[in-house]
C-alpha atoms as a PDB file:
ATOM      1  CA  MET A   1     -16.451  33.577 -22.654  1.00  0.00           C
ATOM      2  CA  ARG A   2     -17.036  31.407 -19.637  1.00  0.00           C
ATOM      3  CA  GLY A   3     -16.736  28.288 -21.793  1.00  0.00           C
ATOM      4  CA  ALA A   4     -13.373  29.449 -23.117  1.00  0.00           C
ATOM      5  CA  ARG A   5     -12.144  30.172 -19.607  1.00  0.00           C
ATOM      6  CA  SER A   6     -13.353  26.778 -18.373  1.00  0.00           C
ATOM      7  CA  ALA A   7     -11.610  24.979 -21.243  1.00  0.00           C
ATOM      8  CA  ALA A   8      -8.409  26.931 -20.551  1.00  0.00           C
ATOM      9  CA  ALA A   9      -8.615  26.070 -16.848  1.00  0.00           C
ATOM     10  CA  ILE A  10      -9.134  22.387 -17.627  1.00  0.00           C
ATOM     11  CA  GLY A  11      -6.212  22.423 -20.070  1.00  0.00           C
ATOM     12  CA  LEU A  12      -3.942  24.133 -17.533  1.00  0.00           C
ATOM     13  CA  ALA A  13      -4.971  21.638 -14.853  1.00  0.00           C
ATOM     14  CA  ALA A  14      -4.206  18.734 -17.204  1.00  0.00           C
ATOM     15  CA  ILE A  15      -0.771  20.146 -18.033  1.00  0.00           C
ATOM     16  CA  THR A  16      -0.028  20.736 -14.357  1.00  0.00           C
ATOM     17  CA  TRP A  17      -1.107  17.198 -13.495  1.00  0.00           C
ATOM     18  CA  ALA A  18       1.070  15.739 -16.277  1.00  0.00           C
ATOM     19  CA  VAL A  19       4.125  17.723 -15.132  1.00  0.00           C
ATOM     20  CA  ARG A  20       3.587  16.580 -11.544  1.00  0.00           C
ATOM     21  CA  LEU A  21       3.198  12.997 -12.700  1.00  0.00           C
ATOM     22  CA  VAL A  22       6.497  13.084 -14.616  1.00  0.00           C
ATOM     23  CA  ALA A  23       8.241  14.716 -11.645  1.00  0.00           C
ATOM     24  CA  VAL A  24       6.917  12.075  -9.244  1.00  0.00           C
ATOM     25  CA  ILE A  25       7.987   9.254 -11.557  1.00  0.00           C
ATOM     26  CA  LEU A  26      11.510  10.729 -11.878  1.00  0.00           C
ATOM     27  CA  VAL A  27      11.821  11.093  -8.102  1.00  0.00           C
ATOM     28  CA  ILE A  28      10.649   7.511  -7.612  1.00  0.00           C
ATOM     29  CA  ALA A  29      13.027   6.259 -10.318  1.00  0.00           C
ATOM     30  CA  THR A  30      15.938   8.076  -8.636  1.00  0.00           C
ATOM     31  CA  PHE A  31      15.076   6.651  -5.235  1.00  0.00           C
ATOM     32  CA  ASN A  32      14.725   3.150  -6.686  1.00  0.00           C
ATOM     33  CA  PHE A  33      18.112   3.434  -8.397  1.00  0.00           C
ATOM     34  CA  ILE A  34      19.826   4.517  -5.176  1.00  0.00           C
ATOM     35  CA  LEU A  35      18.091   1.788  -3.171  1.00  0.00           C
ATOM     36  CA  VAL A  36      18.900  -1.013  -5.619  1.00  0.00           C
ATOM     37  CA  ARG A  37      22.523   0.026  -6.082  1.00  0.00           C
ATOM     38  CA  ALA A  38      22.977   0.222  -2.306  1.00  0.00           C
ATOM     39  CA  ALA A  39      22.324  -3.516  -2.032  1.00  0.00           C
ATOM     40  CA  PRO A  40      25.477  -5.634  -1.647  1.00  0.00           C
ATOM     41  CA  GLY A  41      26.717  -7.739  -4.558  1.00  0.00           C
ATOM     42  CA  ASP A  42      28.233  -7.253  -7.983  1.00  0.00           C
ATOM     43  CA  PRO A  43      26.099  -8.258 -11.012  1.00  0.00           C
ATOM     44  CA  ALA A  44      29.249  -8.947 -13.044  1.00  0.00           C
ATOM     45  CA  GLN A  45      30.516 -11.429 -10.463  1.00  0.00           C
ATOM     46  CA  VAL A  46      27.108 -13.125 -10.320  1.00  0.00           C
ATOM     47  CA  MET A  47      26.979 -13.476 -14.115  1.00  0.00           C
ATOM     48  CA  ALA A  48      30.593 -14.645 -14.312  1.00  0.00           C
ATOM     49  CA  GLY A  49      30.047 -17.120 -11.507  1.00  0.00           C
ATOM     50  CA  GLN A  50      26.980 -18.565 -13.206  1.00  0.00           C
ATOM     51  CA  SER A  51      28.967 -19.069 -16.393  1.00  0.00           C
ATOM     52  CA  GLY A  52      31.757 -20.749 -14.443  1.00  0.00           C
ATOM     53  CA  ALA A  53      34.351 -18.075 -15.212  1.00  0.00           C
ATOM     54  CA  ALA A  54      35.353 -15.360 -12.756  1.00  0.00           C
ATOM     55  CA  ASP A  55      38.450 -14.195 -14.635  1.00  0.00           C
ATOM     56  CA  PRO A  56      39.247 -10.469 -14.049  1.00  0.00           C
ATOM     57  CA  LYS A  57      39.232  -9.828 -17.804  1.00  0.00           C
ATOM     58  CA  ILE A  58      35.758 -11.347 -18.130  1.00  0.00           C
ATOM     59  CA  LEU A  59      34.524  -9.274 -15.181  1.00  0.00           C
ATOM     60  CA  GLU A  60      35.917  -6.128 -16.788  1.00  0.00           C
ATOM     61  CA  ASP A  61      34.249  -6.943 -20.119  1.00  0.00           C
ATOM     62  CA  LEU A  62      30.911  -7.613 -18.428  1.00  0.00           C
ATOM     63  CA  ARG A  63      31.028  -4.331 -16.522  1.00  0.00           C
ATOM     64  CA  LYS A  64      31.888  -2.462 -19.712  1.00  0.00           C
ATOM     65  CA  GLU A  65      29.140  -4.209 -21.697  1.00  0.00           C
ATOM     66  CA  TYR A  66      26.423  -3.253 -19.221  1.00  0.00           C
ATOM     67  CA  GLY A  67      27.807   0.180 -18.310  1.00  0.00           C
ATOM     68  CA  LEU A  68      28.707  -0.845 -14.766  1.00  0.00           C
ATOM     69  CA  ASP A  69      32.163   0.711 -15.158  1.00  0.00           C
ATOM     70  CA  GLN A  70      30.679   4.191 -15.584  1.00  0.00           C
ATOM     71  CA  PRO A  71      30.616   6.709 -12.702  1.00  0.00           C
ATOM     72  CA  TYR A  72      27.619   6.480 -10.397  1.00  0.00           C
ATOM     73  CA  LEU A  73      26.027   9.761 -11.529  1.00  0.00           C
ATOM     74  CA  VAL A  74      26.479   8.829 -15.194  1.00  0.00           C
ATOM     75  CA  GLN A  75      24.665   5.557 -14.590  1.00  0.00           C
ATOM     76  CA  LEU A  76      21.885   7.424 -12.773  1.00  0.00           C
ATOM     77  CA  GLY A  77      21.543   9.911 -15.626  1.00  0.00           C
ATOM     78  CA  THR A  78      21.386   7.087 -18.182  1.00  0.00           C
ATOM     79  CA  HIS A  79      18.699   5.382 -16.130  1.00  0.00           C
ATOM     80  CA  LEU A  80      16.566   8.545 -15.899  1.00  0.00           C
ATOM     81  CA  LYS A  81      16.860   9.129 -19.656  1.00  0.00           C
ATOM     82  CA  ARG A  82      15.621   5.602 -20.250  1.00  0.00           C
ATOM     83  CA  VAL A  83      12.727   6.153 -17.867  1.00  0.00           C
ATOM     84  CA  LEU A  84      11.635   9.263 -19.770  1.00  0.00           C
ATOM     85  CA  SER A  85      11.670   7.282 -23.029  1.00  0.00           C
ATOM     86  CA  PHE A  86      10.138   4.251 -21.273  1.00  0.00           C
ATOM     87  CA  ASP A  87      13.146   2.148 -22.232  1.00  0.00           C
ATOM     88  CA  LEU A  88      13.705  -0.210 -19.304  1.00  0.00           C
ATOM     89  CA  GLY A  89      16.893  -1.721 -20.716  1.00  0.00           C
ATOM     90  CA  TYR A  90      17.968  -5.347 -20.997  1.00  0.00           C
ATOM     91  CA  SER A  91      18.094  -8.068 -18.383  1.00  0.00           C
ATOM     92  CA  TYR A  92      21.637  -8.974 -17.332  1.00  0.00           C
ATOM     93  CA  ARG A  93      20.710 -12.592 -16.777  1.00  0.00           C
ATOM     94  CA  GLN A  94      18.069 -13.376 -19.390  1.00  0.00           C
ATOM     95  CA  ARG A  95      19.419 -11.001 -22.063  1.00  0.00           C
ATOM     96  CA  ARG A  96      15.951  -9.880 -23.054  1.00  0.00           C
ATOM     97  CA  PRO A  97      14.233  -6.493 -22.954  1.00  0.00           C
ATOM     98  CA  VAL A  98      13.019  -5.849 -19.418  1.00  0.00           C
ATOM     99  CA  LEU A  99       9.699  -4.487 -20.689  1.00  0.00           C
ATOM    100  CA  ASP A 100       9.006  -7.786 -22.479  1.00  0.00           C
ATOM    101  CA  LEU A 101       9.734  -9.762 -19.307  1.00  0.00           C
ATOM    102  CA  ILE A 102       7.451  -7.537 -17.240  1.00  0.00           C
ATOM    103  CA  MET A 103       4.613  -7.607 -19.761  1.00  0.00           C
ATOM    104  CA  GLU A 104       4.749 -11.420 -19.768  1.00  0.00           C
ATOM    105  CA  ARG A 105       4.376 -11.592 -15.988  1.00  0.00           C
ATOM    106  CA  LEU A 106       2.206  -8.548 -15.287  1.00  0.00           C
ATOM    107  CA  PRO A 107      -1.176 -10.095 -16.313  1.00  0.00           C
ATOM    108  CA  ALA A 108      -0.760 -12.966 -13.833  1.00  0.00           C
ATOM    109  CA  THR A 109       0.110 -10.563 -11.010  1.00  0.00           C
ATOM    110  CA  LEU A 110      -2.758  -8.195 -11.817  1.00  0.00           C
ATOM    111  CA  LEU A 111      -5.192 -11.103 -11.991  1.00  0.00           C
ATOM    112  CA  LEU A 112      -4.060 -12.341  -8.585  1.00  0.00           C
ATOM    113  CA  THR A 113      -3.884  -8.982  -6.813  1.00  0.00           C
ATOM    114  CA  LEU A 114      -7.046  -7.440  -8.256  1.00  0.00           C
ATOM    115  CA  THR A 115      -9.064 -10.546  -7.412  1.00  0.00           C
ATOM    116  CA  ALA A 116      -7.650 -10.585  -3.877  1.00  0.00           C
ATOM    117  CA  PHE A 117      -8.294  -6.852  -3.510  1.00  0.00           C
ATOM    118  CA  CYS A 118     -11.921  -7.115  -4.652  1.00  0.00           C
ATOM    119  CA  LEU A 119     -12.501 -10.145  -2.419  1.00  0.00           C
ATOM    120  CA  ALA A 120     -10.986  -8.435   0.624  1.00  0.00           C
ATOM    121  CA  LEU A 121     -12.901  -5.197   0.020  1.00  0.00           C
ATOM    122  CA  LEU A 122     -16.266  -6.862  -0.662  1.00  0.00           C
ATOM    123  CA  VAL A 123     -16.190  -9.456   2.116  1.00  0.00           C
ATOM    124  CA  GLY A 124     -14.397  -7.191   4.601  1.00  0.00           C
ATOM    125  CA  THR A 125     -16.823  -4.290   4.251  1.00  0.00           C
ATOM    126  CA  THR A 126     -19.812  -6.652   4.360  1.00  0.00           C
ATOM    127  CA  LEU A 127     -18.654  -8.377   7.542  1.00  0.00           C
ATOM    128  CA  GLY A 128     -17.679  -5.045   9.086  1.00  0.00           C
ATOM    129  CA  ALA A 129     -21.053  -3.493   8.276  1.00  0.00           C
ATOM    130  CA  LEU A 130     -22.919  -6.461   9.750  1.00  0.00           C
ATOM    131  CA  ALA A 131     -20.766  -6.343  12.884  1.00  0.00           C
ATOM    132  CA  GLY A 132     -21.243  -2.577  13.230  1.00  0.00           C
ATOM    133  CA  LEU A 133     -25.010  -2.777  12.808  1.00  0.00           C
ATOM    134  CA  ALA A 134     -25.130  -5.529  15.449  1.00  0.00           C
ATOM    135  CA  ALA A 135     -22.546  -3.966  17.785  1.00  0.00           C
ATOM    136  CA  GLY A 136     -22.289  -5.784  21.112  1.00  0.00           C
ATOM    137  CA  SER A 137     -24.101  -8.902  19.885  1.00  0.00           C
ATOM    138  CA  VAL A 138     -22.825 -12.442  19.364  1.00  0.00           C
ATOM    139  CA  VAL A 139     -22.475 -11.738  15.634  1.00  0.00           C
ATOM    140  CA  ASP A 140     -20.285  -8.737  16.370  1.00  0.00           C
ATOM    141  CA  THR A 141     -18.086 -10.762  18.712  1.00  0.00           C
ATOM    142  CA  LEU A 142     -17.760 -13.608  16.209  1.00  0.00           C
ATOM    143  CA  PHE A 143     -16.761 -11.325  13.334  1.00  0.00           C
ATOM    144  CA  THR A 144     -14.340  -9.388  15.567  1.00  0.00           C
ATOM    145  CA  VAL A 145     -12.570 -12.556  16.694  1.00  0.00           C
ATOM    146  CA  LEU A 146     -12.406 -13.834  13.103  1.00  0.00           C
ATOM    147  CA  SER A 147     -10.894 -10.570  11.837  1.00  0.00           C
ATOM    148  CA  LEU A 148      -8.314 -10.568  14.638  1.00  0.00           C
ATOM    149  CA  LEU A 149      -7.284 -14.136  13.788  1.00  0.00           C
ATOM    150  CA  LEU A 150      -6.914 -13.299  10.098  1.00  0.00           C
ATOM    151  CA  TYR A 151      -4.944 -10.146  10.895  1.00  0.00           C
ATOM    152  CA  ALA A 152      -2.550 -12.028  13.202  1.00  0.00           C
ATOM    153  CA  THR A 153      -1.929 -14.905  10.787  1.00  0.00           C
ATOM    154  CA  PRO A 154       1.259 -14.622   8.668  1.00  0.00           C
ATOM    155  CA  VAL A 155       0.493 -14.697   4.959  1.00  0.00           C
ATOM    156  CA  PHE A 156       3.055 -17.367   4.084  1.00  0.00           C
ATOM    157  CA  TRP A 157       1.929 -19.614   6.968  1.00  0.00           C
ATOM    158  CA  LEU A 158      -1.703 -19.388   5.891  1.00  0.00           C
ATOM    159  CA  GLY A 159      -0.705 -20.262   2.333  1.00  0.00           C
ATOM    160  CA  LEU A 160       1.293 -23.301   3.439  1.00  0.00           C
ATOM    161  CA  MET A 161      -1.549 -24.500   5.678  1.00  0.00           C
ATOM    162  CA  LEU A 162      -4.049 -24.181   2.829  1.00  0.00           C
ATOM    163  CA  VAL A 163      -1.756 -26.256   0.613  1.00  0.00           C
ATOM    164  CA  LEU A 164      -1.365 -28.867   3.341  1.00  0.00           C
ATOM    165  CA  VAL A 165      -5.108 -29.174   3.970  1.00  0.00           C
ATOM    166  CA  PHE A 166      -6.800 -28.650   0.612  1.00  0.00           C
ATOM    167  CA  SER A 167      -4.131 -30.001  -1.692  1.00  0.00           C
ATOM    168  CA  VAL A 168      -1.996 -32.558   0.119  1.00  0.00           C
ATOM    169  CA  THR A 169      -4.606 -33.976   2.530  1.00  0.00           C
ATOM    170  CA  LEU A 170      -7.922 -33.561   0.710  1.00  0.00           C
ATOM    171  CA  GLY A 171      -6.681 -33.263  -2.879  1.00  0.00           C
ATOM    172  CA  TRP A 172      -9.380 -30.748  -3.764  1.00  0.00           C
ATOM    173  CA  LEU A 173      -7.210 -27.973  -5.217  1.00  0.00           C
ATOM    174  CA  PRO A 174      -3.936 -27.816  -7.166  1.00  0.00           C
ATOM    175  CA  ALA A 175      -1.019 -26.851  -4.952  1.00  0.00           C
ATOM    176  CA  PHE A 176       1.118 -24.779  -7.290  1.00  0.00           C
ATOM    177  CA  GLY A 177       1.216 -22.995 -10.618  1.00  0.00           C
ATOM    178  CA  TYR A 178      -1.032 -20.845 -12.766  1.00  0.00           C
ATOM    179  CA  GLU A 179      -2.723 -23.614 -14.759  1.00  0.00           C
ATOM    180  CA  THR A 180      -2.371 -27.295 -15.548  1.00  0.00           C
ATOM    181  CA  ILE A 181       0.587 -27.785 -17.884  1.00  0.00           C
ATOM    182  CA  ASN A 182       0.019 -29.537 -21.215  1.00  0.00           C
ATOM    183  CA  ALA A 183      -3.678 -30.031 -20.477  1.00  0.00           C
ATOM    184  CA  LYS A 184      -5.610 -29.816 -23.735  1.00  0.00           C
ATOM    185  CA  LEU A 185      -8.552 -27.813 -22.449  1.00  0.00           C
ATOM    186  CA  THR A 186     -11.236 -25.810 -24.155  1.00  0.00           C
ATOM    187  CA  PRO A 187     -11.295 -22.051 -23.410  1.00  0.00           C
ATOM    188  CA  ILE A 188     -14.063 -22.493 -20.849  1.00  0.00           C
ATOM    189  CA  GLU A 189     -12.286 -25.418 -19.198  1.00  0.00           C
ATOM    190  CA  ARG A 190      -9.077 -23.370 -19.078  1.00  0.00           C
ATOM    191  CA  VAL A 191     -10.890 -20.535 -17.287  1.00  0.00           C
ATOM    192  CA  PHE A 192     -12.139 -22.945 -14.632  1.00  0.00           C
ATOM    193  CA  ASP A 193      -8.696 -24.525 -14.375  1.00  0.00           C
ATOM    194  CA  ILE A 194      -7.045 -21.143 -13.753  1.00  0.00           C
ATOM    195  CA  GLY A 195      -9.810 -20.354 -11.275  1.00  0.00           C
ATOM    196  CA  LYS A 196      -9.029 -23.503  -9.275  1.00  0.00           C
ATOM    197  CA  HIS A 197      -5.354 -22.564  -9.183  1.00  0.00           C
ATOM    198  CA  MET A 198      -6.268 -19.059  -7.984  1.00  0.00           C
ATOM    199  CA  ILE A 199      -8.383 -20.001  -4.968  1.00  0.00           C
ATOM    200  CA  MET A 200      -5.653 -20.586  -2.389  1.00  0.00           C
ATOM    201  CA  PRO A 201      -3.300 -17.759  -3.488  1.00  0.00           C
ATOM    202  CA  VAL A 202      -6.178 -15.264  -3.568  1.00  0.00           C
ATOM    203  CA  VAL A 203      -7.497 -16.287  -0.144  1.00  0.00           C
ATOM    204  CA  SER A 204      -3.989 -16.166   1.362  1.00  0.00           C
ATOM    205  CA  LEU A 205      -3.282 -12.724  -0.072  1.00  0.00           C
ATOM    206  CA  ALA A 206      -6.696 -11.265   0.773  1.00  0.00           C
ATOM    207  CA  ALA A 207      -6.955 -12.532   4.355  1.00  0.00           C
ATOM    208  CA  ILE A 208      -5.066  -9.805   6.217  1.00  0.00           C
ATOM    209  CA  TYR A 209      -6.617  -6.985   4.162  1.00  0.00           C
ATOM    210  CA  LEU A 210     -10.075  -8.485   4.656  1.00  0.00           C
ATOM    211  CA  ALA A 211      -9.522  -8.265   8.416  1.00  0.00           C
ATOM    212  CA  ILE A 212      -8.362  -4.627   8.165  1.00  0.00           C
ATOM    213  CA  TYR A 213     -11.359  -3.534   6.098  1.00  0.00           C
ATOM    214  CA  ALA A 214     -13.786  -5.414   8.349  1.00  0.00           C
ATOM    215  CA  ARG A 215     -12.531  -3.750  11.537  1.00  0.00           C
ATOM    216  CA  LEU A 216     -12.383  -0.332   9.890  1.00  0.00           C
ATOM    217  CA  MET A 217     -15.892  -0.660   8.476  1.00  0.00           C
ATOM    218  CA  ARG A 218     -17.253  -1.785  11.829  1.00  0.00           C
ATOM    219  CA  SER A 219     -15.790   1.250  13.608  1.00  0.00           C
ATOM    220  CA  SER A 220     -16.995   3.571  10.858  1.00  0.00           C
ATOM    221  CA  ILE A 221     -20.555   2.207  10.947  1.00  0.00           C
ATOM    222  CA  ILE A 222     -20.727   2.598  14.727  1.00  0.00           C
ATOM    223  CA  GLU A 223     -19.471   6.186  14.475  1.00  0.00           C
ATOM    224  CA  VAL A 224     -21.836   7.164  11.655  1.00  0.00           C
ATOM    225  CA  ALA A 225     -24.821   5.560  13.413  1.00  0.00           C
ATOM    226  CA  HIS A 226     -24.583   8.214  16.153  1.00  0.00           C
ATOM    227  CA  GLN A 227     -24.397  11.202  13.795  1.00  0.00           C
ATOM    228  CA  ASP A 228     -27.167  13.804  13.827  1.00  0.00           C
ATOM    229  CA  PHE A 229     -28.237  13.230  10.209  1.00  0.00           C
ATOM    230  CA  ILE A 230     -28.958   9.553  10.999  1.00  0.00           C
ATOM    231  CA  LYS A 231     -31.096  10.562  13.967  1.00  0.00           C
ATOM    232  CA  THR A 232     -32.905  13.048  11.724  1.00  0.00           C
ATOM    233  CA  ALA A 233     -33.559  10.374   9.091  1.00  0.00           C
ATOM    234  CA  ARG A 234     -35.019   8.088  11.737  1.00  0.00           C
ATOM    235  CA  ALA A 235     -37.160  10.909  13.108  1.00  0.00           C
ATOM    236  CA  LYS A 236     -38.575  11.442   9.609  1.00  0.00           C
ATOM    237  CA  GLY A 237     -39.745   7.834   9.626  1.00  0.00           C
ATOM    238  CA  LEU A 238     -37.420   6.492   6.914  1.00  0.00           C
ATOM    239  CA  ALA A 239     -37.233   2.719   6.700  1.00  0.00           C
ATOM    240  CA  GLY A 240     -34.252   0.976   8.275  1.00  0.00           C
ATOM    241  CA  PRO A 241     -32.793  -0.453   5.033  1.00  0.00           C
ATOM    242  CA  ARG A 242     -33.064   2.932   3.347  1.00  0.00           C
ATOM    243  CA  ILE A 243     -31.182   4.604   6.190  1.00  0.00           C
ATOM    244  CA  VAL A 244     -28.475   1.932   6.158  1.00  0.00           C
ATOM    245  CA  VAL A 245     -27.938   1.886   2.376  1.00  0.00           C
ATOM    246  CA  GLY A 246     -28.626   5.515   1.519  1.00  0.00           C
ATOM    247  CA  HIS A 247     -27.000   7.240   4.480  1.00  0.00           C
ATOM    248  CA  MET A 248     -24.890   5.048   6.734  1.00  0.00           C
ATOM    249  CA  LEU A 249     -22.984   2.920   4.217  1.00  0.00           C
ATOM    250  CA  ARG A 250     -22.122   5.796   1.888  1.00  0.00           C
ATOM    251  CA  ASN A 251     -20.581   7.830   4.680  1.00  0.00           C
ATOM    252  CA  ALA A 252     -18.975   4.866   6.410  1.00  0.00           C
ATOM    253  CA  LEU A 253     -17.211   3.809   3.196  1.00  0.00           C
ATOM    254  CA  VAL A 254     -15.107   6.993   2.988  1.00  0.00           C
ATOM    255  CA  PRO A 255     -12.370   5.899   5.471  1.00  0.00           C
ATOM    256  CA  VAL A 256     -12.414   2.366   4.007  1.00  0.00           C
ATOM    257  CA  VAL A 257     -11.824   3.734   0.502  1.00  0.00           C
ATOM    258  CA  THR A 258      -8.999   5.902   1.849  1.00  0.00           C
ATOM    259  CA  VAL A 259      -7.187   2.970   3.445  1.00  0.00           C
ATOM    260  CA  ALA A 260      -7.902   0.664   0.500  1.00  0.00           C
ATOM    261  CA  GLY A 261      -6.414   3.180  -1.918  1.00  0.00           C
ATOM    262  CA  MET A 262      -3.235   3.434   0.141  1.00  0.00           C
ATOM    263  CA  GLN A 263      -2.913  -0.315   0.619  1.00  0.00           C
ATOM    264  CA  ALA A 264      -3.540  -1.306  -2.990  1.00  0.00           C
ATOM    265  CA  GLY A 265       0.158  -0.845  -3.744  1.00  0.00           C
ATOM    266  CA  ALA A 266       1.120  -2.852  -0.682  1.00  0.00           C
ATOM    267  CA  LEU A 267      -1.113  -5.634  -1.957  1.00  0.00           C
ATOM    268  CA  VAL A 268       1.028  -5.886  -5.093  1.00  0.00           C
ATOM    269  CA  GLY A 269       4.147  -5.974  -2.926  1.00  0.00           C
ATOM    270  CA  GLY A 270       2.682  -8.710  -0.752  1.00  0.00           C
ATOM    271  CA  ALA A 271       2.199 -10.814  -3.852  1.00  0.00           C
ATOM    272  CA  VAL A 272       5.962 -11.500  -3.865  1.00  0.00           C
ATOM    273  CA  VAL A 273       5.602 -13.884  -0.921  1.00  0.00           C
ATOM    274  CA  ILE A 274       2.414 -15.509  -2.197  1.00  0.00           C
ATOM    275  CA  GLU A 275       3.766 -15.999  -5.719  1.00  0.00           C
ATOM    276  CA  THR A 276       6.864 -17.661  -4.243  1.00  0.00           C
ATOM    277  CA  VAL A 277       4.821 -19.988  -2.027  1.00  0.00           C
ATOM    278  CA  PHE A 278       2.449 -21.028  -4.811  1.00  0.00           C
ATOM    279  CA  ALA A 279       4.927 -20.840  -7.736  1.00  0.00           C
ATOM    280  CA  TRP A 280       2.693 -18.227  -9.362  1.00  0.00           C
ATOM    281  CA  PRO A 281       4.359 -16.915 -12.556  1.00  0.00           C
ATOM    282  CA  GLY A 282       3.977 -13.214 -11.852  1.00  0.00           C
ATOM    283  CA  LEU A 283       6.098 -10.178 -11.031  1.00  0.00           C
ATOM    284  CA  GLY A 284       6.686 -11.469  -7.512  1.00  0.00           C
ATOM    285  CA  ARG A 285       8.620 -14.487  -8.742  1.00  0.00           C
ATOM    286  CA  LEU A 286      10.438 -12.332 -11.283  1.00  0.00           C
ATOM    287  CA  THR A 287      11.427  -9.890  -8.524  1.00  0.00           C
ATOM    288  CA  PHE A 288      12.661 -12.699  -6.282  1.00  0.00           C
ATOM    289  CA  ASP A 289      14.799 -14.180  -9.066  1.00  0.00           C
ATOM    290  CA  ALA A 290      16.148 -10.730 -10.021  1.00  0.00           C
ATOM    291  CA  VAL A 291      17.242 -10.074  -6.428  1.00  0.00           C
ATOM    292  CA  LEU A 292      19.144 -13.363  -6.285  1.00  0.00           C
ATOM    293  CA  GLN A 293      20.780 -12.679  -9.656  1.00  0.00           C
ATOM    294  CA  ARG A 294      21.508  -8.964  -8.960  1.00  0.00           C
ATOM    295  CA  ASP A 295      19.635  -8.172 -12.169  1.00  0.00           C
ATOM    296  CA  TYR A 296      19.413  -4.399 -11.657  1.00  0.00           C
ATOM    297  CA  PRO A 297      17.492  -3.467 -14.840  1.00  0.00           C
ATOM    298  CA  VAL A 298      14.749  -5.986 -14.053  1.00  0.00           C
ATOM    299  CA  LEU A 299      14.410  -4.733 -10.478  1.00  0.00           C
ATOM    300  CA  LEU A 300      14.345  -1.093 -11.552  1.00  0.00           C
ATOM    301  CA  GLY A 301      11.806  -1.866 -14.277  1.00  0.00           C
ATOM    302  CA  ILE A 302       9.525  -3.727 -11.878  1.00  0.00           C
ATOM    303  CA  PHE A 303       9.722  -0.958  -9.278  1.00  0.00           C
ATOM    304  CA  LEU A 304       8.907   1.646 -11.919  1.00  0.00           C
ATOM    305  CA  ILE A 305       5.893  -0.255 -13.258  1.00  0.00           C
ATOM    306  CA  LEU A 306       4.585  -0.897  -9.740  1.00  0.00           C
ATOM    307  CA  SER A 307       5.031   2.790  -8.885  1.00  0.00           C
ATOM    308  CA  ILE A 308       2.980   3.796 -11.917  1.00  0.00           C
ATOM    309  CA  ILE A 309       0.302   1.280 -10.919  1.00  0.00           C
ATOM    310  CA  VAL A 310       0.158   2.798  -7.420  1.00  0.00           C
ATOM    311  CA  ILE A 311      -0.197   6.302  -8.883  1.00  0.00           C
ATOM    312  CA  VAL A 312      -3.054   5.108 -11.106  1.00  0.00           C
ATOM    313  CA  LEU A 313      -4.732   3.430  -8.130  1.00  0.00           C
ATOM    314  CA  ASN A 314      -4.488   6.659  -6.121  1.00  0.00           C
ATOM    315  CA  LEU A 315      -6.161   8.497  -8.994  1.00  0.00           C
ATOM    316  CA  ALA A 316      -8.870   5.819  -9.078  1.00  0.00           C
ATOM    317  CA  THR A 317      -9.346   6.320  -5.318  1.00  0.00           C
ATOM    318  CA  ASP A 318      -9.982  10.031  -5.895  1.00  0.00           C
ATOM    319  CA  LEU A 319     -12.582   9.169  -8.527  1.00  0.00           C
ATOM    320  CA  VAL A 320     -14.307   6.725  -6.163  1.00  0.00           C
ATOM    321  CA  TYR A 321     -14.505   9.517  -3.594  1.00  0.00           C
ATOM    322  CA  ARG A 322     -16.617  11.508  -6.017  1.00  0.00           C
ATOM    323  CA  LEU A 323     -18.930   8.547  -6.550  1.00  0.00           C
ATOM    324  CA  ILE A 324     -19.414   8.079  -2.814  1.00  0.00           C
ATOM    325  CA  ASP A 325     -19.831  11.780  -2.040  1.00  0.00           C
ATOM    326  CA  PRO A 326     -20.230  14.210  -4.979  1.00  0.00           C
ATOM    327  CA  ARG A 327     -19.391  17.109  -2.648  1.00  0.00           C
ATOM    328  CA  MET A 328     -15.792  15.923  -2.582  1.00  0.00           C
ATOM    329  CA  THR A 329     -13.609  17.129  -5.422  1.00  0.00           C
ATOM    330  CA  THR A 330     -10.621  15.209  -6.682  1.00  0.00           C
ATOM    331  CA  GLY A 331      -8.285  17.895  -5.442  1.00  0.00           C
ATOM    332  CA  ALA A 332      -9.841  17.865  -1.980  1.00  0.00           C
ATOM    333  CA  ALA A 333      -9.598  14.127  -1.768  1.00  0.00           C
END
C-alpha cells in the first residue's frame, strides 16, 4: 500500500513539475516576444534594403510573407503555438529553419561556456579556500588582490589584451576562430587545435566569475571555520585535512553552488561579447548578427533555447545540493 502511495506521489510530483515547466517556458516566450518586438526597426525594411529594393509593394509582400502584417496579439499567439510544438520558424535573413541554425552553433557555445564555467568554479573555489584557510596572511592578501583585479577588468578589454600579447606579440596562440581552416589534421591534432583556439576565449570569459567564486569561497570558509561543529571536530582530535575536506569544504560550498547556479545563465549571455571579440562561431555571434538584421525568429529561438538551458542548470543546481548535503531536498533547495 505504501509503495502504491509513493509511486502515486512521485507521479503527481512529476506531472506538477512538467506543468510548471511548460508554464514557465510560455511566460518566458511571451516576455521575449514583447521585448524583441519593442526594439526599434522593421525587419521588412532591413530585408528590402539589403536586396537593394525598398519599394512599398515589396515591403508589403515581405510583411505578408512573414506574417508581420498580422495584429500584434495574433502574432503572439502564433509564436506561442510554435513554442509548444517546438517549431522555431524560419530565419528572415538566411531563409533556413531557426532550429537548424541554433543546433549548428550551440555546440561551440556550450563548449566555450561549460569549459569557462568549470575553470572558474574549480580555480575560484580552490583559491578562495586557500585564502580562507590562511586568512590574514600574505597568501590571503595576494589572492584577494588578484580576485579584485579580475573582477574589475572588463571582459572585452581582457580578451583584446590577451590577443595583443599572446597572439600578435608572442605568436603563441591563434587570435580568432574555432579551429584552423582547411588544415588537414588527424582527429587528435584537431582536438589540440581547437584547444589552442579555446584558451584565450575561455580565460577571458571565466576571469570575472573566477574572482566572484574565490571571494565568496573565502568568506564562506572563514564563516564555517568558527562554527561550533568545527570546534567539536577539533576537540575530538580529528586531523586537519579531514576537518577541512569532510566538514569545512562541504558546508562552505553551499553558497558557492547557489551563486554558480544563478550565474550559469549569465555566463552564456556573456559569451556574446567574447564570441564577437574572438570570432567564435557560436550563439553569441548568431545573436549579434540577428540583432543587426532584425531577424526576430532567430532572436526568439535563441532566447527560448537559452531559457531552457538556464532551467536545466537550475535543476542541476538542486541536484548538486543533495550531493553536498543529503539533508537538503530538491524542493527545499
